[in-house]
Amino acid sequence: MKFEVIRKDKQTKARAGKISTDHGEILTPVFMPVGTAGSVKAIHQRELIDDIKAQIILGNAYHLYLRPGLEIMEQAGGLHKFMNWDKPILTDSGGYQVFSLAANRKLTGEGAVFQSHIDGSKHIFTPENVVDIQRIIGADIMMAFDECAPFPCEYDYAKKSMLLTHQWLERGIKQFDETEPVYPYSQDFFPIVQGSVYKDLRIASAEFIASKNRPGNAIGGLSVGEPVEVMYEMMDVVNAVLPEDKPRYLMGVGTPVNILESIALGVDMMDCVMPTRNGRNGMLFTRNGIINIKNKKWENDFSPLDTDGVSFVDQYYSKAYLHHLVKAEEILALQIASIHNLAFYLQLVGEAREHIRKDDFESWKQQMVKSVGERI
């Protein structure tokens, strides 16, 4: 994998760049749709390419390991072939599930023992077998196994969690460096900065991660309940340490405003389930603000979903029609809302790239932050 910074903004820390992988180029900053189980919920792969213009998507090692399982994945030739997706894929290691499924797991020095949320069967994830799992899945970018500390947590817990993540990273790097890809293309391995909301821990973790000199680095453990101002502070602290010549991936963040502010702080890659999850619950993100399409005010609004949208659904369907579909619990409502939201997110980040290149990102961002965060 190669990363090139093409342009730096003069007023902020934003930068426009390009990541080159064996499955294609990725222009940054980039928002990555989440396809946890090998599918971006309610969206065809064709729509991801033609309407949403996705450059890269995510899969999840934990979920794919449990279902359909590694035997099926290898027989298919990896996730790319299994889901008929020839662009880059990034897989999360399952570390977030160590956090989100805390009631069903136990941490040990060896790894994480957990019960399947599907059938209750017991499994263990270690830094080594998580690498092996992601080799079989075949992601272009593989994530290290980490522990995401909850918020709030005491300093001592955050430090212990960070040190465990660092120990796991060293074991994961060793396994990665001593193994080869299962399929005929290269894979890369990103470590993850942890440290909760403690500045000294975040700096220490970022320094440790940077010292490993991997092709890219990730920032984890944010957007887990902490105040948004603290989230931005932690990002700024970490990005001041992480090398400028490597892409910085902010995991699991967030709203359109979060996305724009993160880009201004020097983040290159982002993902979040929010556009699809919130869309399935009737929330639309637009450049004029946030719409709850369930509200009666949209019942007889026959204007397009978004006149400035890039996806076909924005001009093809009215607010009144989507309101009706949501109320009637029609499956089409989930598809329309999900396509619209993801297309909007990628359009927004694409515009950010262009304004970085034109050296007017900061003024554009200030205007957009005011509008996209409003509820209408």
Protein backbone atom coordinates (compact mmCIF):
# COMPACT_ATOMS: atom_id res chain seq x y z
CA MET A 1 0.00 0.00 0.00
CA LYS A 2 1.19 3.49 -0.83
CA PHE A 3 -0.04 6.83 0.52
CA GLU A 4 0.59 10.21 -1.03
CA VAL A 5 -0.41 13.59 0.42
CA ILE A 6 -1.48 15.67 -2.58
CA ARG A 7 -2.50 18.90 -0.87
CA LYS A 8 -2.50 20.36 2.65
CA ASP A 9 -5.01 22.98 3.75
CA LYS A 10 -3.36 26.24 4.80
CA GLN A 11 -5.73 27.11 7.66
CA THR A 12 -6.45 23.70 9.19
CA LYS A 13 -4.72 20.31 9.44
CA ALA A 14 -6.86 18.85 6.65
CA ARG A 15 -5.13 17.17 3.76
CA ALA A 16 -6.14 15.55 0.48
CA GLY A 17 -4.30 12.40 -0.51
CA LYS A 18 -4.35 9.10 -2.32
CA ILE A 19 -4.01 5.52 -1.08
CA SER A 20 -2.99 2.92 -3.66
CA THR A 21 -3.90 -0.73 -3.11
CA ASP A 22 -3.97 -3.81 -5.33
CA HIS A 23 -7.74 -3.39 -5.61
CA GLY A 24 -7.58 0.25 -6.67
CA GLU A 25 -6.94 3.80 -5.55
CA ILE A 26 -8.70 5.59 -2.69
CA LEU A 27 -8.87 9.37 -2.68
CA THR A 28 -8.71 10.80 0.83
CA PRO A 29 -10.30 12.02 2.98
CA VAL A 30 -12.66 9.10 2.53
CA PHE A 31 -15.78 7.84 4.26
CA MET A 32 -16.10 4.05 4.20
CA PRO A 33 -19.56 2.40 4.26
CA VAL A 34 -19.84 -0.38 6.85
CA GLY A 35 -20.62 -3.84 5.49
CA THR A 36 -20.32 -5.79 8.72
CA ALA A 37 -21.35 -9.24 7.49
CA GLY A 38 -20.29 -8.81 3.87
CA SER A 39 -23.20 -6.51 3.04
CA VAL A 40 -23.87 -2.81 3.47
CA LYS A 41 -27.36 -3.14 4.92
CA ALA A 42 -30.22 -2.68 2.42
CA ILE A 43 -27.88 -1.69 -0.43
CA HIS A 44 -26.78 -3.58 -3.54
CA GLN A 45 -23.11 -3.55 -4.48
CA ARG A 46 -24.16 -1.99 -7.81
CA GLU A 47 -25.72 0.94 -5.94
CA LEU A 48 -22.57 1.33 -3.83
CA ILE A 49 -20.59 1.82 -7.02
CA ASP A 50 -23.00 3.65 -9.33
CA ASP A 51 -25.01 5.86 -6.98
CA ILE A 52 -23.05 6.14 -3.74
CA LYS A 53 -19.60 6.15 -5.37
CA ALA A 54 -17.99 4.12 -2.59
CA GLN A 55 -14.22 3.67 -2.96
CA ILE A 56 -13.75 1.17 -0.13
CA ILE A 57 -16.04 -0.69 2.28
CA LEU A 58 -15.64 -2.41 5.64
CA GLY A 59 -16.22 -5.96 6.79
CA ASN A 60 -15.98 -7.34 10.32
CA ALA A 61 -13.75 -10.26 11.20
CA TYR A 62 -15.82 -11.25 14.26
CA HIS A 63 -19.10 -11.49 12.37
CA LEU A 64 -17.67 -13.13 9.24
CA TYR A 65 -15.76 -15.65 11.36
CA LEU A 66 -19.02 -16.72 13.02
CA ARG A 67 -21.14 -16.60 9.88
CA PRO A 68 -20.66 -17.78 7.14
CA GLY A 69 -17.38 -19.03 8.66
CA LEU A 70 -13.83 -19.32 7.43
CA GLU A 71 -14.35 -22.55 5.44
CA ILE A 72 -17.00 -20.92 3.25
CA MET A 73 -14.95 -17.74 3.00
CA GLU A 74 -11.89 -19.61 1.74
CA GLN A 75 -13.92 -21.75 -0.65
CA ALA A 76 -15.36 -18.55 -2.13
CA GLY A 77 -11.88 -17.13 -2.68
CA GLY A 78 -12.16 -14.44 -0.03
CA LEU A 79 -14.65 -11.70 0.71
CA HIS A 80 -14.05 -9.78 -2.52
CA LYS A 81 -15.22 -12.71 -4.63
CA PHE A 82 -17.86 -13.85 -2.15
CA MET A 83 -19.70 -10.52 -2.32
CA ASN A 84 -18.63 -9.60 -5.87
CA TRP A 85 -16.74 -6.45 -4.87
CA ASP A 86 -13.52 -5.66 -6.73
CA LYS A 87 -12.61 -2.48 -4.85
CA PRO A 88 -10.63 -2.27 -1.58
CA ILE A 89 -11.95 -3.75 1.68
CA LEU A 90 -10.90 -3.02 5.27
CA THR A 91 -11.76 -5.45 8.07
CA ASP A 92 -12.12 -4.59 11.73
CA SER A 93 -10.39 -7.17 13.89
CA GLY A 94 -13.25 -7.84 16.27
CA GLY A 95 -11.73 -5.58 18.92
CA TYR A 96 -14.84 -3.42 19.01
CA GLN A 97 -16.89 -6.51 19.85
CA VAL A 98 -14.61 -7.01 22.87
CA PHE A 99 -16.10 -3.68 23.96
CA SER A 100 -19.69 -3.89 22.71
CA LEU A 101 -20.28 -7.52 23.75
CA ALA A 102 -18.63 -7.13 27.16
CA ALA A 103 -21.30 -9.23 28.87
CA ASN A 104 -20.38 -12.23 26.71
CA ARG A 105 -16.59 -12.14 26.89
CA LYS A 106 -13.64 -12.51 29.23
CA LEU A 107 -10.22 -10.94 28.71
CA THR A 108 -7.07 -12.92 29.41
CA GLY A 109 -3.41 -12.40 28.62
CA GLU A 110 -3.88 -14.77 25.72
CA GLY A 111 -6.80 -12.94 24.16
CA ALA A 112 -10.57 -12.63 24.46
CA VAL A 113 -12.84 -15.59 25.20
CA PHE A 114 -16.39 -14.91 24.09
CA GLN A 115 -19.74 -16.51 23.55
CA SER A 116 -21.26 -16.29 20.09
CA HIS A 117 -24.24 -13.96 19.98
CA ILE A 118 -25.74 -16.42 17.47
CA ASP A 119 -25.72 -19.76 19.28
CA GLY A 120 -23.82 -19.24 22.54
CA SER A 121 -20.81 -21.32 21.47
CA LYS A 122 -17.44 -20.36 23.00
CA HIS A 123 -14.53 -19.01 20.95
CA ILE A 124 -11.22 -17.30 21.60
CA PHE A 125 -9.74 -14.44 19.63
CA THR A 126 -6.00 -13.88 19.99
CA PRO A 127 -3.77 -11.34 18.25
CA GLU A 128 -2.41 -14.21 16.16
CA ASN A 129 -5.58 -15.93 15.06
CA VAL A 130 -7.23 -12.59 14.28
CA VAL A 131 -4.46 -12.05 11.72
CA ASP A 132 -5.08 -15.55 10.34
CA ILE A 133 -8.83 -14.89 10.17
CA GLN A 134 -8.29 -11.66 8.24
CA ARG A 135 -5.85 -13.41 5.91
CA ILE A 136 -8.65 -15.82 4.95
CA ILE A 137 -11.23 -13.05 4.65
CA GLY A 138 -8.74 -11.34 2.36
CA ALA A 139 -9.11 -7.66 3.28
CA ASP A 140 -6.70 -5.19 1.72
CA ILE A 141 -6.32 -3.48 5.10
CA MET A 142 -6.39 -5.58 8.28
CA MET A 143 -6.78 -4.11 11.76
CA ALA A 144 -4.83 -5.13 14.84
CA PHE A 145 -6.68 -6.78 17.72
CA ASP A 146 -7.25 -4.25 20.51
CA GLU A 147 -9.38 -3.50 23.53
CA CYS A 148 -11.64 -0.47 23.30
CA ALA A 149 -11.96 0.93 26.84
CA PRO A 150 -15.46 2.09 27.84
CA PHE A 151 -16.37 5.64 28.79
CA PRO A 152 -16.19 6.58 31.54
CA CYS A 153 -13.36 4.52 32.94
CA GLU A 154 -10.76 5.14 35.62
CA TYR A 155 -7.24 6.14 34.63
CA ASP A 156 -5.75 2.87 35.91
CA TYR A 157 -8.17 0.81 33.84
CA ALA A 158 -7.48 2.90 30.73
CA LYS A 159 -3.74 2.46 31.19
CA LYS A 160 -4.02 -1.28 31.75
CA SER A 161 -6.24 -1.57 28.67
CA MET A 162 -3.80 0.45 26.57
CA LEU A 163 -0.84 -1.67 27.63
CA LEU A 164 -2.79 -4.83 26.80
CA THR A 165 -3.55 -3.40 23.35
CA HIS A 166 0.17 -2.69 22.88
CA GLN A 167 1.13 -6.23 23.92
CA TRP A 168 -1.44 -7.66 21.54
CA LEU A 169 -0.13 -5.39 18.77
CA GLU A 170 3.40 -6.72 19.05
CA ARG A 171 2.11 -10.28 18.80
CA GLY A 172 -0.14 -9.37 15.88
CA ILE A 173 2.68 -7.69 13.98
CA LYS A 174 4.88 -10.74 14.48
CA GLN A 175 2.14 -13.02 13.14
CA PHE A 176 1.46 -10.72 10.20
CA ASP A 177 5.14 -10.45 9.26
CA GLU A 178 5.63 -14.21 9.48
CA THR A 179 2.64 -15.14 7.30
CA GLU A 180 1.68 -14.58 3.68
CA PRO A 181 -1.59 -13.57 2.02
CA VAL A 182 -3.92 -16.44 1.15
CA TYR A 183 -4.89 -14.80 -2.15
CA PRO A 184 -2.73 -13.28 -4.93
CA TYR A 185 -2.68 -9.67 -3.74
CA SER A 186 -1.01 -7.79 -0.91
CA GLN A 187 -2.50 -6.97 2.48
CA ASP A 188 -1.54 -4.32 5.02
CA PHE A 189 -1.84 -4.12 8.79
CA PHE A 190 -2.88 -1.05 10.82
CA PRO A 191 -2.27 -0.67 14.58
CA ILE A 192 -4.80 1.20 16.74
CA VAL A 193 -4.17 4.03 19.23
CA GLN A 194 -6.05 3.68 22.52
CA GLY A 195 -5.87 5.50 25.88
CA SER A 196 -9.46 6.60 26.54
CA VAL A 197 -9.77 10.35 27.26
CA TYR A 198 -6.43 10.74 29.05
CA LYS A 199 -4.02 12.98 27.15
CA ASP A 200 -0.82 11.39 28.47
CA LEU A 201 -2.07 7.89 27.61
CA ARG A 202 -3.12 8.95 24.13
CA ILE A 203 0.31 10.49 23.50
CA ALA A 204 2.08 7.39 24.82
CA SER A 205 -0.08 5.10 22.72
CA ALA A 206 0.37 7.21 19.57
CA GLU A 207 4.15 7.20 20.08
CA PHE A 208 4.16 3.43 20.53
CA ILE A 209 2.00 2.88 17.45
CA ALA A 210 4.08 5.29 15.34
CA SER A 211 7.25 3.45 16.34
CA LYS A 212 5.96 0.28 14.65
CA ASN A 213 6.22 1.98 11.24
CA ARG A 214 3.22 0.29 9.65
CA PRO A 215 1.66 1.61 6.39
CA GLY A 216 -1.20 3.34 8.23
CA ASN A 217 -2.48 4.00 11.74
CA ALA A 218 -5.90 4.05 13.37
CA ILE A 219 -7.46 5.98 16.24
CA GLY A 220 -9.85 3.84 18.28
CA GLY A 221 -11.82 4.18 21.48
CA LEU A 222 -13.59 7.44 20.61
CA SER A 223 -17.29 8.19 20.09
CA VAL A 224 -18.12 5.78 22.92
CA GLY A 225 -19.98 8.32 25.05
CA GLU A 226 -17.41 11.01 25.78
CA PRO A 227 -18.28 14.71 25.19
CA VAL A 228 -17.67 15.72 21.60
CA GLU A 229 -15.18 18.42 22.64
CA VAL A 230 -13.10 15.77 24.39
CA MET A 231 -13.26 13.54 21.31
CA TYR A 232 -11.87 16.35 19.16
CA GLU A 233 -9.16 17.10 21.75
CA MET A 234 -8.02 13.46 21.75
CA MET A 235 -7.93 13.41 17.94
CA ASP A 236 -5.81 16.54 17.87
CA VAL A 237 -3.40 15.16 20.47
CA VAL A 238 -2.97 11.86 18.59
CA ASN A 239 -2.64 13.37 15.12
CA ALA A 240 0.17 15.62 16.39
CA VAL A 241 2.16 12.43 17.09
CA LEU A 242 1.18 10.08 14.26
CA PRO A 243 3.39 10.45 11.16
CA GLU A 244 2.13 12.75 8.42
CA ASP A 245 3.21 10.39 5.64
CA LYS A 246 0.82 7.63 6.76
CA PRO A 247 -2.99 7.65 6.50
CA ARG A 248 -4.86 8.22 9.77
CA TYR A 249 -8.04 6.21 10.22
CA LEU A 250 -10.61 7.39 12.77
CA MET A 251 -12.76 4.41 13.73
CA GLY A 252 -16.53 4.63 14.17
CA VAL A 253 -17.16 8.39 13.89
CA GLY A 254 -19.80 9.84 13.29
CA THR A 255 -22.29 12.62 12.36
CA PRO A 256 -21.71 14.87 9.31
CA VAL A 257 -20.42 17.58 11.67
CA ASN A 258 -18.06 15.06 13.33
CA ILE A 259 -16.80 14.05 9.89
CA LEU A 260 -16.02 17.63 8.85
CA GLU A 261 -14.32 18.51 12.13
CA SER A 262 -12.28 15.31 12.02
CA ILE A 263 -11.05 16.10 8.53
CA ALA A 264 -10.02 19.56 9.75
CA LEU A 265 -7.95 17.85 12.48
CA GLY A 266 -6.00 15.75 9.96
CA VAL A 267 -8.02 12.53 9.71
CA ASP A 268 -7.93 10.74 6.34
CA MET A 269 -10.25 7.73 6.72
CA MET A 270 -13.56 7.38 8.59
CA ASP A 271 -16.37 4.87 8.97
CA CYS A 272 -19.63 4.71 10.90
CA VAL A 273 -22.90 2.78 10.86
CA MET A 274 -24.82 6.01 11.45
CA PRO A 275 -25.91 6.80 7.86
CA THR A 276 -27.44 3.37 7.31
CA ARG A 277 -28.61 2.65 10.85
CA ASN A 278 -30.22 6.05 11.32
CA GLY A 279 -31.64 5.88 7.81
CA ARG A 280 -33.39 2.62 8.65
CA ASN A 281 -35.02 4.48 11.54
CA GLY A 282 -36.26 7.37 9.43
CA MET A 283 -33.45 9.92 9.87
CA LEU A 284 -32.15 11.61 6.72
CA PHE A 285 -28.97 13.66 6.59
CA THR A 286 -29.01 16.49 4.04
CA ARG A 287 -26.91 19.54 3.30
CA ASN A 288 -29.75 21.68 4.71
CA GLY A 289 -30.01 19.73 7.96
CA ILE A 290 -31.38 16.58 9.55
CA ILE A 291 -34.86 15.31 8.71
CA ASN A 292 -37.00 12.92 10.73
CA ILE A 293 -39.07 11.63 7.84
CA LYS A 294 -41.55 10.05 10.26
CA ASN A 295 -42.83 13.49 11.28
CA LYS A 296 -46.28 14.45 9.99
CA LYS A 297 -44.90 17.67 8.47
CA TRP A 298 -43.54 15.59 5.56
CA GLU A 299 -46.85 13.83 4.87
CA ASN A 300 -47.78 16.11 1.94
CA ASP A 301 -44.34 17.44 1.00
CA PHE A 302 -43.91 16.29 -2.59
CA SER A 303 -40.52 17.91 -3.08
CA PRO A 304 -37.52 15.66 -3.82
CA LEU A 305 -35.60 14.16 -0.91
CA ASP A 306 -32.63 16.36 -1.76
CA THR A 307 -32.44 18.53 -4.88
CA ASP A 308 -28.64 18.76 -4.54
CA GLY A 309 -28.14 15.03 -3.98
CA VAL A 310 -26.00 12.86 -6.23
CA SER A 311 -27.97 9.62 -5.93
CA PHE A 312 -30.93 8.77 -8.17
CA VAL A 313 -33.19 8.38 -5.12
CA ASP A 314 -32.78 12.07 -4.24
CA GLN A 315 -34.69 13.30 -7.29
CA TYR A 316 -36.69 10.14 -7.98
CA TYR A 317 -38.64 9.99 -4.69
CA SER A 318 -40.45 12.66 -2.69
CA LYS A 319 -40.41 13.25 1.04
CA ALA A 320 -44.14 12.43 1.16
CA TYR A 321 -43.56 9.08 -0.53
CA LEU A 322 -40.73 8.10 1.81
CA HIS A 323 -42.83 9.24 4.78
CA HIS A 324 -45.57 6.90 3.58
CA LEU A 325 -43.17 3.97 3.10
CA VAL A 326 -41.73 4.41 6.58
CA LYS A 327 -45.16 4.57 8.16
CA ALA A 328 -46.25 1.49 6.19
CA GLU A 329 -43.03 -0.30 7.23
CA GLU A 330 -42.20 -1.08 3.62
CA ILE A 331 -38.74 -2.54 2.98
CA LEU A 332 -38.18 -0.03 0.16
CA ALA A 333 -38.07 2.72 2.81
CA LEU A 334 -34.92 1.18 4.30
CA GLN A 335 -33.27 1.05 0.89
CA ILE A 336 -34.13 4.61 -0.13
CA ALA A 337 -33.06 6.15 3.19
CA SER A 338 -29.82 4.15 3.34
CA ILE A 339 -28.83 4.99 -0.24
CA HIS A 340 -29.60 8.66 0.29
CA ASN A 341 -27.65 8.94 3.56
CA LEU A 342 -24.56 7.16 2.30
CA ALA A 343 -24.58 9.12 -0.95
CA PHE A 344 -24.82 12.32 1.07
CA TYR A 345 -21.92 11.33 3.34
CA LEU A 346 -19.69 10.49 0.39
CA GLN A 347 -20.74 13.61 -1.47
CA LEU A 348 -19.90 15.70 1.61
CA VAL A 349 -16.45 14.15 2.00
CA GLY A 350 -15.84 14.45 -1.76
CA GLU A 351 -16.61 18.16 -1.54
CA ALA A 352 -14.20 18.42 1.38
CA ARG A 353 -11.46 16.92 -0.81
CA GLU A 354 -12.14 19.48 -3.53
CA HIS A 355 -12.11 22.44 -1.14
CA ILE A 356 -8.84 21.28 0.41
CA ARG A 357 -7.36 21.29 -3.08
CA LYS A 358 -8.80 24.77 -3.75
CA ASP A 359 -7.43 26.16 -0.46
CA ASP A 360 -10.82 27.30 0.82
CA PHE A 361 -11.69 24.31 3.01
CA GLU A 362 -12.00 26.23 6.29
CA SER A 363 -14.54 28.79 5.07
CA TRP A 364 -16.54 26.07 3.30
CA LYS A 365 -16.44 23.84 6.39
CA GLN A 366 -17.71 26.60 8.67
CA GLN A 367 -20.73 27.12 6.41
CA MET A 368 -21.45 23.41 6.12
CA VAL A 369 -21.15 22.73 9.86
CA LYS A 370 -23.88 25.31 10.48
CA SER A 371 -26.28 23.74 8.00
CA VAL A 372 -25.75 19.97 8.18
CA GLY A 373 -26.16 19.83 11.95
CA GLU A 374 -29.53 21.63 12.06
CA ARG A 375 -32.75 19.71 12.60
CA ILE A 376 -35.44 20.69 10.11
